[in-house]
């Protein structure tokens, strides 16, 4: 029923696995390696069609210097921080409370409300582009960081609630019953009993939401324009001139933009893995 572990496979299968694993890893990392190589090439290499060859000169310091000192990249990075951090905080706070309500309390519409949160995750966000853009214009939120934060919170809370509700339902209900017997108020049960037990889930969800929002390109292009509000994913396109794309600067900017979520994952790796696997083994 389950696949045999590689350690118990025949020697030929083990050698095949060991031979193809590095190849699969190389193919998976090939786009990232290409972007890293492009980021240290001079712009003339692209004009000479030297896409995959050895760089004619090492221009890494020059390219990254232009990205930070001769462009709006620091502003775009700051915008991404000001958009992503409030969104993560808002999603975590709302989903922790809704997950607690849907996971602990038993009432008639519980399942239907939960289905509404889940169903929102299956709506293709492309069909919401026009109404959401019109709504931001009507509310005066178009081309503002506040508008992006509010709509990201609205779109991500459904998934976060699904995650939190299922996690909370795995907690021992006897702890909550014992607190109620002692006369502890419901909000104190949430704050002092349930919330400390949710730390692995909060950490895992924070990493996921941070990555989703930081890497978002679709809504960044639809709801913002200009350096005053655009995040870094949309701001990278500013390196394109009218008749020519500065691929070397775009590559350098892409590497810079990819560093924060990677650093976030490695800093929270222990808690992230614990949050995803907690309850997987009884």
C-alpha atoms as a PDB file:
ATOM      1  CA  UNK A   1       0.000   0.000   0.000  1.00  0.00           C
ATOM      2  CA  UNK A   2       2.851   2.377   0.844  1.00  0.00           C
ATOM      3  CA  UNK A   3       6.058   2.733  -1.228  1.00  0.00           C
ATOM      4  CA  UNK A   4       9.070   0.852   0.018  1.00  0.00           C
ATOM      5  CA  UNK A   5      11.706   3.136   1.605  1.00  0.00           C
ATOM      6  CA  UNK A   6      14.767   3.664  -0.550  1.00  0.00           C
ATOM      7  CA  UNK A   7      16.954   2.049   2.130  1.00  0.00           C
ATOM      8  CA  UNK A   8      15.099  -1.245   1.567  1.00  0.00           C
ATOM      9  CA  UNK A   9      15.153  -1.065  -2.221  1.00  0.00           C
ATOM     10  CA  UNK A  10      17.580  -3.185  -4.298  1.00  0.00           C
ATOM     11  CA  UNK A  11      21.074  -1.798  -4.777  1.00  0.00           C
ATOM     12  CA  UNK A  12      20.359  -0.918  -8.417  1.00  0.00           C
ATOM     13  CA  UNK A  13      17.380   1.198  -7.388  1.00  0.00           C
ATOM     14  CA  UNK A  14      19.448   2.968  -4.740  1.00  0.00           C
ATOM     15  CA  UNK A  15      22.195   3.817  -7.254  1.00  0.00           C
ATOM     16  CA  UNK A  16      19.598   5.105  -9.727  1.00  0.00           C
ATOM     17  CA  UNK A  17      18.074   7.266  -7.011  1.00  0.00           C
ATOM     18  CA  UNK A  18      21.461   8.652  -5.995  1.00  0.00           C
ATOM     19  CA  UNK A  19      22.320   9.426  -9.621  1.00  0.00           C
ATOM     20  CA  UNK A  20      19.067  11.188 -10.516  1.00  0.00           C
ATOM     21  CA  UNK A  21      18.628  13.146  -7.274  1.00  0.00           C
ATOM     22  CA  UNK A  22      21.452  15.657  -7.996  1.00  0.00           C
ATOM     23  CA  UNK A  23      20.185  15.993 -11.577  1.00  0.00           C
ATOM     24  CA  UNK A  24      16.650  16.736 -10.394  1.00  0.00           C
ATOM     25  CA  UNK A  25      18.008  19.260  -7.893  1.00  0.00           C
ATOM     26  CA  UNK A  26      20.051  20.969 -10.610  1.00  0.00           C
ATOM     27  CA  UNK A  27      17.034  21.204 -12.929  1.00  0.00           C
ATOM     28  CA  UNK A  28      14.939  22.636 -10.114  1.00  0.00           C
ATOM     29  CA  UNK A  29      17.558  25.266  -9.268  1.00  0.00           C
ATOM     30  CA  UNK A  30      18.464  26.071 -12.879  1.00  0.00           C
ATOM     31  CA  UNK A  31      16.199  29.160 -13.201  1.00  0.00           C
ATOM     32  CA  UNK A  32      17.584  30.599  -9.967  1.00  0.00           C
ATOM     33  CA  UNK A  33      21.158  29.858 -11.058  1.00  0.00           C
ATOM     34  CA  UNK A  34      20.469  31.587 -14.390  1.00  0.00           C
ATOM     35  CA  UNK A  35      19.139  34.704 -12.631  1.00  0.00           C
ATOM     36  CA  UNK A  36      22.194  34.766 -10.335  1.00  0.00           C
ATOM     37  CA  UNK A  37      24.516  34.550 -13.355  1.00  0.00           C
ATOM     38  CA  UNK A  38      22.585  37.253 -15.211  1.00  0.00           C
ATOM     39  CA  UNK A  39      22.874  39.540 -12.187  1.00  0.00           C
ATOM     40  CA  UNK A  40      26.671  39.694 -12.448  1.00  0.00           C
ATOM     41  CA  UNK A  41      26.858  40.163 -16.222  1.00  0.00           C
ATOM     42  CA  UNK A  42      27.267  43.510 -17.968  1.00  0.00           C
ATOM     43  CA  UNK A  43      24.397  44.830 -20.020  1.00  0.00           C
ATOM     44  CA  UNK A  44      26.469  44.470 -23.216  1.00  0.00           C
ATOM     45  CA  UNK A  45      26.383  40.671 -22.919  1.00  0.00           C
ATOM     46  CA  UNK A  46      22.647  40.673 -23.580  1.00  0.00           C
ATOM     47  CA  UNK A  47      23.075  42.886 -26.605  1.00  0.00           C
ATOM     48  CA  UNK A  48      25.710  40.446 -27.905  1.00  0.00           C
ATOM     49  CA  UNK A  49      23.415  37.448 -27.258  1.00  0.00           C
ATOM     50  CA  UNK A  50      25.771  36.113 -24.588  1.00  0.00           C
ATOM     51  CA  UNK A  51      22.939  34.735 -22.477  1.00  0.00           C
ATOM     52  CA  UNK A  52      24.411  31.473 -21.208  1.00  0.00           C
ATOM     53  CA  UNK A  53      28.109  31.965 -21.789  1.00  0.00           C
ATOM     54  CA  UNK A  54      30.749  33.094 -19.337  1.00  0.00           C
ATOM     55  CA  UNK A  55      30.400  36.802 -18.430  1.00  0.00           C
ATOM     56  CA  UNK A  56      32.659  39.038 -20.463  1.00  0.00           C
ATOM     57  CA  UNK A  57      33.368  40.938 -17.238  1.00  0.00           C
ATOM     58  CA  UNK A  58      32.290  40.673 -13.624  1.00  0.00           C
ATOM     59  CA  UNK A  59      29.831  43.488 -12.952  1.00  0.00           C
ATOM     60  CA  UNK A  60      28.205  42.180  -9.784  1.00  0.00           C
ATOM     61  CA  UNK A  61      29.174  45.142  -7.574  1.00  0.00           C
ATOM     62  CA  UNK A  62      28.199  47.596 -10.306  1.00  0.00           C
ATOM     63  CA  UNK A  63      24.802  46.011 -10.951  1.00  0.00           C
ATOM     64  CA  UNK A  64      23.853  45.677  -7.296  1.00  0.00           C
ATOM     65  CA  UNK A  65      25.172  49.178  -6.633  1.00  0.00           C
ATOM     66  CA  UNK A  66      22.887  50.558  -9.343  1.00  0.00           C
ATOM     67  CA  UNK A  67      19.973  48.615  -7.889  1.00  0.00           C
ATOM     68  CA  UNK A  68      20.418  50.147  -4.434  1.00  0.00           C
ATOM     69  CA  UNK A  69      21.875  53.578  -5.224  1.00  0.00           C
ATOM     70  CA  UNK A  70      20.506  54.553  -8.654  1.00  0.00           C
ATOM     71  CA  UNK A  71      16.963  53.229  -8.509  1.00  0.00           C
ATOM     72  CA  UNK A  72      13.869  53.187  -6.316  1.00  0.00           C
ATOM     73  CA  UNK A  73      14.630  49.664  -5.034  1.00  0.00           C
ATOM     74  CA  UNK A  74      15.036  50.738  -1.349  1.00  0.00           C
ATOM     75  CA  UNK A  75      11.639  52.448  -1.593  1.00  0.00           C
ATOM     76  CA  UNK A  76      10.062  49.349  -3.113  1.00  0.00           C
ATOM     77  CA  UNK A  77      11.565  47.155  -0.399  1.00  0.00           C
ATOM     78  CA  UNK A  78      10.214  49.476   2.292  1.00  0.00           C
ATOM     79  CA  UNK A  79       6.788  49.376   0.644  1.00  0.00           C
ATOM     80  CA  UNK A  80       6.868  45.574   0.683  1.00  0.00           C
ATOM     81  CA  UNK A  81       7.698  45.590   4.387  1.00  0.00           C
ATOM     82  CA  UNK A  82       4.915  48.085   5.141  1.00  0.00           C
ATOM     83  CA  UNK A  83       2.457  45.935   3.174  1.00  0.00           C
ATOM     84  CA  UNK A  84       3.548  42.459   4.267  1.00  0.00           C
ATOM     85  CA  UNK A  85       4.037  42.925   8.023  1.00  0.00           C
ATOM     86  CA  UNK A  86       0.589  44.469   8.755  1.00  0.00           C
ATOM     87  CA  UNK A  87      -1.021  41.855   6.516  1.00  0.00           C
ATOM     88  CA  UNK A  88       0.626  38.994   8.408  1.00  0.00           C
ATOM     89  CA  UNK A  89      -0.376  40.502  11.758  1.00  0.00           C
ATOM     90  CA  UNK A  90      -3.958  41.086  10.608  1.00  0.00           C
ATOM     91  CA  UNK A  91      -4.380  37.612   9.098  1.00  0.00           C
ATOM     92  CA  UNK A  92      -2.893  35.865  12.137  1.00  0.00           C
ATOM     93  CA  UNK A  93      -5.002  37.884  14.606  1.00  0.00           C
ATOM     94  CA  UNK A  94      -8.293  37.396  12.743  1.00  0.00           C
ATOM     95  CA  UNK A  95      -7.737  33.725  11.916  1.00  0.00           C
ATOM     96  CA  UNK A  96      -6.709  32.911  15.503  1.00  0.00           C
ATOM     97  CA  UNK A  97      -9.998  34.337  16.795  1.00  0.00           C
ATOM     98  CA  UNK A  98     -12.193  32.847  14.056  1.00  0.00           C
ATOM     99  CA  UNK A  99     -10.392  29.513  14.340  1.00  0.00           C
ATOM    100  CA  UNK A 100     -11.011  29.535  18.088  1.00  0.00           C
ATOM    101  CA  UNK A 101     -14.700  30.319  17.608  1.00  0.00           C
ATOM    102  CA  UNK A 102     -15.232  27.694  14.898  1.00  0.00           C
ATOM    103  CA  UNK A 103     -13.058  25.071  16.566  1.00  0.00           C
ATOM    104  CA  UNK A 104     -14.286  25.344  20.169  1.00  0.00           C
ATOM    105  CA  UNK A 105     -17.911  26.469  20.104  1.00  0.00           C
ATOM    106  CA  UNK A 106     -20.739  24.264  18.878  1.00  0.00           C
ATOM    107  CA  UNK A 107     -23.628  26.160  17.291  1.00  0.00           C
ATOM    108  CA  UNK A 108     -26.061  25.570  14.449  1.00  0.00           C
ATOM    109  CA  UNK A 109     -24.321  27.593  11.714  1.00  0.00           C
ATOM    110  CA  UNK A 110     -20.782  26.557  12.669  1.00  0.00           C
ATOM    111  CA  UNK A 111     -20.211  24.245   9.725  1.00  0.00           C
ATOM    112  CA  UNK A 112     -21.836  26.602   7.219  1.00  0.00           C
ATOM    113  CA  UNK A 113     -19.678  29.531   8.318  1.00  0.00           C
ATOM    114  CA  UNK A 114     -16.605  27.327   8.077  1.00  0.00           C
ATOM    115  CA  UNK A 115     -17.618  26.266   4.559  1.00  0.00           C
ATOM    116  CA  UNK A 116     -17.883  29.940   3.590  1.00  0.00           C
ATOM    117  CA  UNK A 117     -14.279  30.516   4.652  1.00  0.00           C
ATOM    118  CA  UNK A 118     -13.153  27.422   2.761  1.00  0.00           C
ATOM    119  CA  UNK A 119     -15.195  28.210  -0.365  1.00  0.00           C
ATOM    120  CA  UNK A 120     -13.542  31.611  -0.659  1.00  0.00           C
ATOM    121  CA  UNK A 121     -10.221  29.871  -1.307  1.00  0.00           C
ATOM    122  CA  UNK A 122     -11.603  28.269  -4.471  1.00  0.00           C
ATOM    123  CA  UNK A 123     -12.721  31.500  -6.134  1.00  0.00           C
ATOM    124  CA  UNK A 124     -10.269  32.339  -8.983  1.00  0.00           C
ATOM    125  CA  UNK A 125      -8.807  35.679  -8.012  1.00  0.00           C
ATOM    126  CA  UNK A 126      -8.506  36.720 -11.666  1.00  0.00           C
ATOM    127  CA  UNK A 127     -12.280  37.125 -11.949  1.00  0.00           C
ATOM    128  CA  UNK A 128     -12.177  39.517  -8.994  1.00  0.00           C
ATOM    129  CA  UNK A 129      -9.700  41.855 -10.668  1.00  0.00           C
ATOM    130  CA  UNK A 130     -12.196  44.321 -12.157  1.00  0.00           C
ATOM    131  CA  UNK A 131     -14.651  44.564  -9.213  1.00  0.00           C
ATOM    132  CA  UNK A 132     -11.832  44.831  -6.668  1.00  0.00           C
ATOM    133  CA  UNK A 133     -10.110  47.560  -8.676  1.00  0.00           C
ATOM    134  CA  UNK A 134     -13.384  49.470  -9.038  1.00  0.00           C
ATOM    135  CA  UNK A 135     -14.033  49.105  -5.321  1.00  0.00           C
ATOM    136  CA  UNK A 136     -10.628  50.550  -4.447  1.00  0.00           C
ATOM    137  CA  UNK A 137     -11.332  53.505  -6.728  1.00  0.00           C
ATOM    138  CA  UNK A 138     -14.728  54.109  -5.090  1.00  0.00           C
ATOM    139  CA  UNK A 139     -13.229  53.893  -1.586  1.00  0.00           C
ATOM    140  CA  UNK A 140     -10.186  56.023  -2.403  1.00  0.00           C
ATOM    141  CA  UNK A 141      -7.832  53.100  -1.727  1.00  0.00           C
ATOM    142  CA  UNK A 142      -6.418  52.695  -5.222  1.00  0.00           C
ATOM    143  CA  UNK A 143      -2.646  53.085  -5.423  1.00  0.00           C
ATOM    144  CA  UNK A 144      -2.278  53.005  -1.641  1.00  0.00           C
ATOM    145  CA  UNK A 145      -0.490  50.580   0.660  1.00  0.00           C
ATOM    146  CA  UNK A 146      -3.565  50.551   2.900  1.00  0.00           C
ATOM    147  CA  UNK A 147      -5.699  49.211   0.068  1.00  0.00           C
ATOM    148  CA  UNK A 148      -3.274  46.362  -0.606  1.00  0.00           C
ATOM    149  CA  UNK A 149      -3.088  45.490   3.090  1.00  0.00           C
ATOM    150  CA  UNK A 150      -6.877  45.394   3.509  1.00  0.00           C
ATOM    151  CA  UNK A 151      -7.503  43.274   0.433  1.00  0.00           C
ATOM    152  CA  UNK A 152      -4.647  40.888   1.222  1.00  0.00           C
ATOM    153  CA  UNK A 153      -6.094  40.395   4.705  1.00  0.00           C
ATOM    154  CA  UNK A 154      -9.522  39.749   3.220  1.00  0.00           C
ATOM    155  CA  UNK A 155      -8.217  37.227   0.696  1.00  0.00           C
ATOM    156  CA  UNK A 156      -5.845  35.361   3.043  1.00  0.00           C
ATOM    157  CA  UNK A 157      -8.057  35.129   6.124  1.00  0.00           C
ATOM    158  CA  UNK A 158     -10.060  32.228   4.649  1.00  0.00           C
ATOM    159  CA  UNK A 159      -7.020  30.004   4.242  1.00  0.00           C
ATOM    160  CA  UNK A 160      -5.647  31.070   7.619  1.00  0.00           C
ATOM    161  CA  UNK A 161      -8.956  30.289   9.322  1.00  0.00           C
ATOM    162  CA  UNK A 162      -8.986  26.830   7.759  1.00  0.00           C
ATOM    163  CA  UNK A 163      -5.468  26.243   9.060  1.00  0.00           C
ATOM    164  CA  UNK A 164      -6.176  27.567  12.564  1.00  0.00           C
ATOM    165  CA  UNK A 165      -9.547  25.892  13.028  1.00  0.00           C
ATOM    166  CA  UNK A 166      -8.176  22.461  12.172  1.00  0.00           C
ATOM    167  CA  UNK A 167      -5.181  23.018  14.448  1.00  0.00           C
ATOM    168  CA  UNK A 168      -7.301  24.128  17.398  1.00  0.00           C
ATOM    169  CA  UNK A 169      -9.583  21.118  17.053  1.00  0.00           C
ATOM    170  CA  UNK A 170      -6.541  18.908  17.707  1.00  0.00           C
ATOM    171  CA  UNK A 171      -5.917  20.514  21.092  1.00  0.00           C
ATOM    172  CA  UNK A 172      -7.137  18.653  24.216  1.00  0.00           C
ATOM    173  CA  UNK A 173     -10.615  19.989  24.939  1.00  0.00           C
ATOM    174  CA  UNK A 174     -10.228  18.946  28.576  1.00  0.00           C
ATOM    175  CA  UNK A 175      -7.988  21.984  29.160  1.00  0.00           C
ATOM    176  CA  UNK A 176     -10.761  24.339  28.104  1.00  0.00           C
ATOM    177  CA  UNK A 177     -13.368  22.479  30.147  1.00  0.00           C
ATOM    178  CA  UNK A 178     -11.129  22.640  33.206  1.00  0.00           C
ATOM    179  CA  UNK A 179     -10.678  26.394  32.751  1.00  0.00           C
ATOM    180  CA  UNK A 180     -14.451  26.874  32.424  1.00  0.00           C
ATOM    181  CA  UNK A 181     -15.052  24.871  35.603  1.00  0.00           C
ATOM    182  CA  UNK A 182     -12.677  27.253  37.376  1.00  0.00           C
ATOM    183  CA  UNK A 183     -14.772  30.165  36.174  1.00  0.00           C
ATOM    184  CA  UNK A 184     -12.237  31.604  33.711  1.00  0.00           C
ATOM    185  CA  UNK A 185     -13.734  34.006  31.180  1.00  0.00           C
ATOM    186  CA  UNK A 186     -13.813  32.907  27.538  1.00  0.00           C
ATOM    187  CA  UNK A 187     -11.434  35.620  26.358  1.00  0.00           C
ATOM    188  CA  UNK A 188      -8.958  34.630  29.079  1.00  0.00           C
ATOM    189  CA  UNK A 189      -9.226  30.993  27.990  1.00  0.00           C
ATOM    190  CA  UNK A 190      -8.336  32.090  24.472  1.00  0.00           C
ATOM    191  CA  UNK A 191      -5.486  34.348  25.577  1.00  0.00           C
ATOM    192  CA  UNK A 192      -3.889  32.295  28.364  1.00  0.00           C
ATOM    193  CA  UNK A 193      -4.797  28.688  27.484  1.00  0.00           C
ATOM    194  CA  UNK A 194      -5.311  28.293  23.747  1.00  0.00           C
ATOM    195  CA  UNK A 195      -3.013  30.959  22.290  1.00  0.00           C
ATOM    196  CA  UNK A 196       0.204  29.671  23.969  1.00  0.00           C
ATOM    197  CA  UNK A 197      -0.526  26.193  22.569  1.00  0.00           C
ATOM    198  CA  UNK A 198      -0.933  27.690  19.095  1.00  0.00           C
ATOM    199  CA  UNK A 199       2.618  29.071  18.850  1.00  0.00           C
ATOM    200  CA  UNK A 200       3.844  26.392  16.362  1.00  0.00           C
ATOM    201  CA  UNK A 201       0.806  26.988  14.149  1.00  0.00           C
ATOM    202  CA  UNK A 202       1.193  30.762  14.404  1.00  0.00           C
ATOM    203  CA  UNK A 203       4.835  30.505  13.367  1.00  0.00           C
ATOM    204  CA  UNK A 204       4.119  28.200  10.436  1.00  0.00           C
ATOM    205  CA  UNK A 205       1.240  30.341   9.225  1.00  0.00           C
ATOM    206  CA  UNK A 206       3.295  33.523   9.587  1.00  0.00           C
ATOM    207  CA  UNK A 207       5.972  32.116   7.284  1.00  0.00           C
ATOM    208  CA  UNK A 208       3.407  30.994   4.714  1.00  0.00           C
ATOM    209  CA  UNK A 209       1.477  34.269   4.671  1.00  0.00           C
ATOM    210  CA  UNK A 210       4.691  36.329   4.625  1.00  0.00           C
ATOM    211  CA  UNK A 211       5.862  34.392   1.577  1.00  0.00           C
ATOM    212  CA  UNK A 212       2.486  34.664  -0.183  1.00  0.00           C
ATOM    213  CA  UNK A 213       2.201  38.421   0.308  1.00  0.00           C
ATOM    214  CA  UNK A 214       5.842  39.320  -0.304  1.00  0.00           C
ATOM    215  CA  UNK A 215       5.879  37.371  -3.589  1.00  0.00           C
ATOM    216  CA  UNK A 216       2.501  38.647  -4.794  1.00  0.00           C
ATOM    217  CA  UNK A 217       2.696  40.244  -8.212  1.00  0.00           C
ATOM    218  CA  UNK A 218      -0.872  40.138  -9.516  1.00  0.00           C
ATOM    219  CA  UNK A 219      -2.552  42.458  -6.994  1.00  0.00           C
ATOM    220  CA  UNK A 220       0.547  44.631  -6.789  1.00  0.00           C
ATOM    221  CA  UNK A 221       0.156  45.430 -10.489  1.00  0.00           C
ATOM    222  CA  UNK A 222      -3.648  45.690 -10.420  1.00  0.00           C
ATOM    223  CA  UNK A 223      -4.016  47.926  -7.354  1.00  0.00           C
ATOM    224  CA  UNK A 224      -0.874  50.084  -7.385  1.00  0.00           C
ATOM    225  CA  UNK A 225       1.244  52.165  -9.709  1.00  0.00           C
ATOM    226  CA  UNK A 226       4.338  54.189  -9.011  1.00  0.00           C
ATOM    227  CA  UNK A 227       7.084  54.034  -6.419  1.00  0.00           C
ATOM    228  CA  UNK A 228       4.981  55.608  -3.659  1.00  0.00           C
ATOM    229  CA  UNK A 229       2.980  52.406  -3.104  1.00  0.00           C
ATOM    230  CA  UNK A 230       4.237  49.570  -5.311  1.00  0.00           C
ATOM    231  CA  UNK A 231       5.957  46.604  -3.597  1.00  0.00           C
ATOM    232  CA  UNK A 232       9.231  45.221  -4.813  1.00  0.00           C
ATOM    233  CA  UNK A 233       7.704  42.523  -7.041  1.00  0.00           C
ATOM    234  CA  UNK A 234       6.032  45.149  -9.219  1.00  0.00           C
ATOM    235  CA  UNK A 235       8.839  47.677  -8.828  1.00  0.00           C
ATOM    236  CA  UNK A 236      11.394  45.420 -10.498  1.00  0.00           C
ATOM    237  CA  UNK A 237       9.751  46.169 -13.850  1.00  0.00           C
ATOM    238  CA  UNK A 238      10.900  49.787 -13.495  1.00  0.00           C
ATOM    239  CA  UNK A 239      14.302  48.650 -14.784  1.00  0.00           C
ATOM    240  CA  UNK A 240      12.748  48.190 -18.213  1.00  0.00           C
ATOM    241  CA  UNK A 241      13.351  51.104 -20.553  1.00  0.00           C
ATOM    242  CA  UNK A 242      10.996  52.013 -23.393  1.00  0.00           C
ATOM    243  CA  UNK A 243      12.861  50.043 -26.043  1.00  0.00           C
ATOM    244  CA  UNK A 244      15.184  47.844 -24.017  1.00  0.00           C
ATOM    245  CA  UNK A 245      14.965  45.614 -20.943  1.00  0.00           C
ATOM    246  CA  UNK A 246      17.835  45.847 -18.448  1.00  0.00           C
ATOM    247  CA  UNK A 247      17.969  42.142 -17.707  1.00  0.00           C
ATOM    248  CA  UNK A 248      21.127  42.409 -15.634  1.00  0.00           C
ATOM    249  CA  UNK A 249      19.523  44.959 -13.292  1.00  0.00           C
ATOM    250  CA  UNK A 250      16.225  43.083 -13.185  1.00  0.00           C
ATOM    251  CA  UNK A 251      18.105  39.916 -12.232  1.00  0.00           C
ATOM    252  CA  UNK A 252      20.008  41.703  -9.484  1.00  0.00           C
ATOM    253  CA  UNK A 253      16.762  43.215  -8.205  1.00  0.00           C
ATOM    254  CA  UNK A 254      15.072  39.811  -8.258  1.00  0.00           C
ATOM    255  CA  UNK A 255      17.839  38.300  -6.121  1.00  0.00           C
ATOM    256  CA  UNK A 256      17.512  41.139  -3.627  1.00  0.00           C
ATOM    257  CA  UNK A 257      13.723  40.746  -3.538  1.00  0.00           C
ATOM    258  CA  UNK A 258      14.001  36.987  -2.936  1.00  0.00           C
ATOM    259  CA  UNK A 259      16.276  37.289   0.115  1.00  0.00           C
ATOM    260  CA  UNK A 260      13.711  38.365   2.796  1.00  0.00           C
ATOM    261  CA  UNK A 261      11.335  35.362   2.440  1.00  0.00           C
ATOM    262  CA  UNK A 262      14.303  32.992   2.291  1.00  0.00           C
ATOM    263  CA  UNK A 263      15.760  34.554   5.448  1.00  0.00           C
ATOM    264  CA  UNK A 264      12.314  34.414   7.080  1.00  0.00           C
ATOM    265  CA  UNK A 265      12.049  30.697   6.382  1.00  0.00           C
ATOM    266  CA  UNK A 266      15.482  29.836   7.748  1.00  0.00           C
ATOM    267  CA  UNK A 267      14.948  31.951  10.864  1.00  0.00           C
ATOM    268  CA  UNK A 268      11.590  30.276  11.531  1.00  0.00           C
ATOM    269  CA  UNK A 269      12.471  26.851  10.118  1.00  0.00           C
ATOM    270  CA  UNK A 270      12.276  25.003  13.429  1.00  0.00           C
ATOM    271  CA  UNK A 271       8.884  26.433  14.343  1.00  0.00           C
ATOM    272  CA  UNK A 272       7.624  26.163  10.756  1.00  0.00           C
ATOM    273  CA  UNK A 273       8.285  22.424  10.536  1.00  0.00           C
ATOM    274  CA  UNK A 274       6.911  21.854  14.042  1.00  0.00           C
ATOM    275  CA  UNK A 275       3.715  23.695  13.169  1.00  0.00           C
ATOM    276  CA  UNK A 276       3.147  21.707   9.960  1.00  0.00           C
ATOM    277  CA  UNK A 277       3.852  18.297  11.519  1.00  0.00           C
ATOM    278  CA  UNK A 278       2.254  18.742  14.951  1.00  0.00           C
ATOM    279  CA  UNK A 279      -0.467  16.156  15.322  1.00  0.00           C
ATOM    280  CA  UNK A 280       0.731  14.096  12.344  1.00  0.00           C
ATOM    281  CA  UNK A 281       1.824  11.272  14.647  1.00  0.00           C
ATOM    282  CA  UNK A 282      -0.333  10.138  17.513  1.00  0.00           C
END
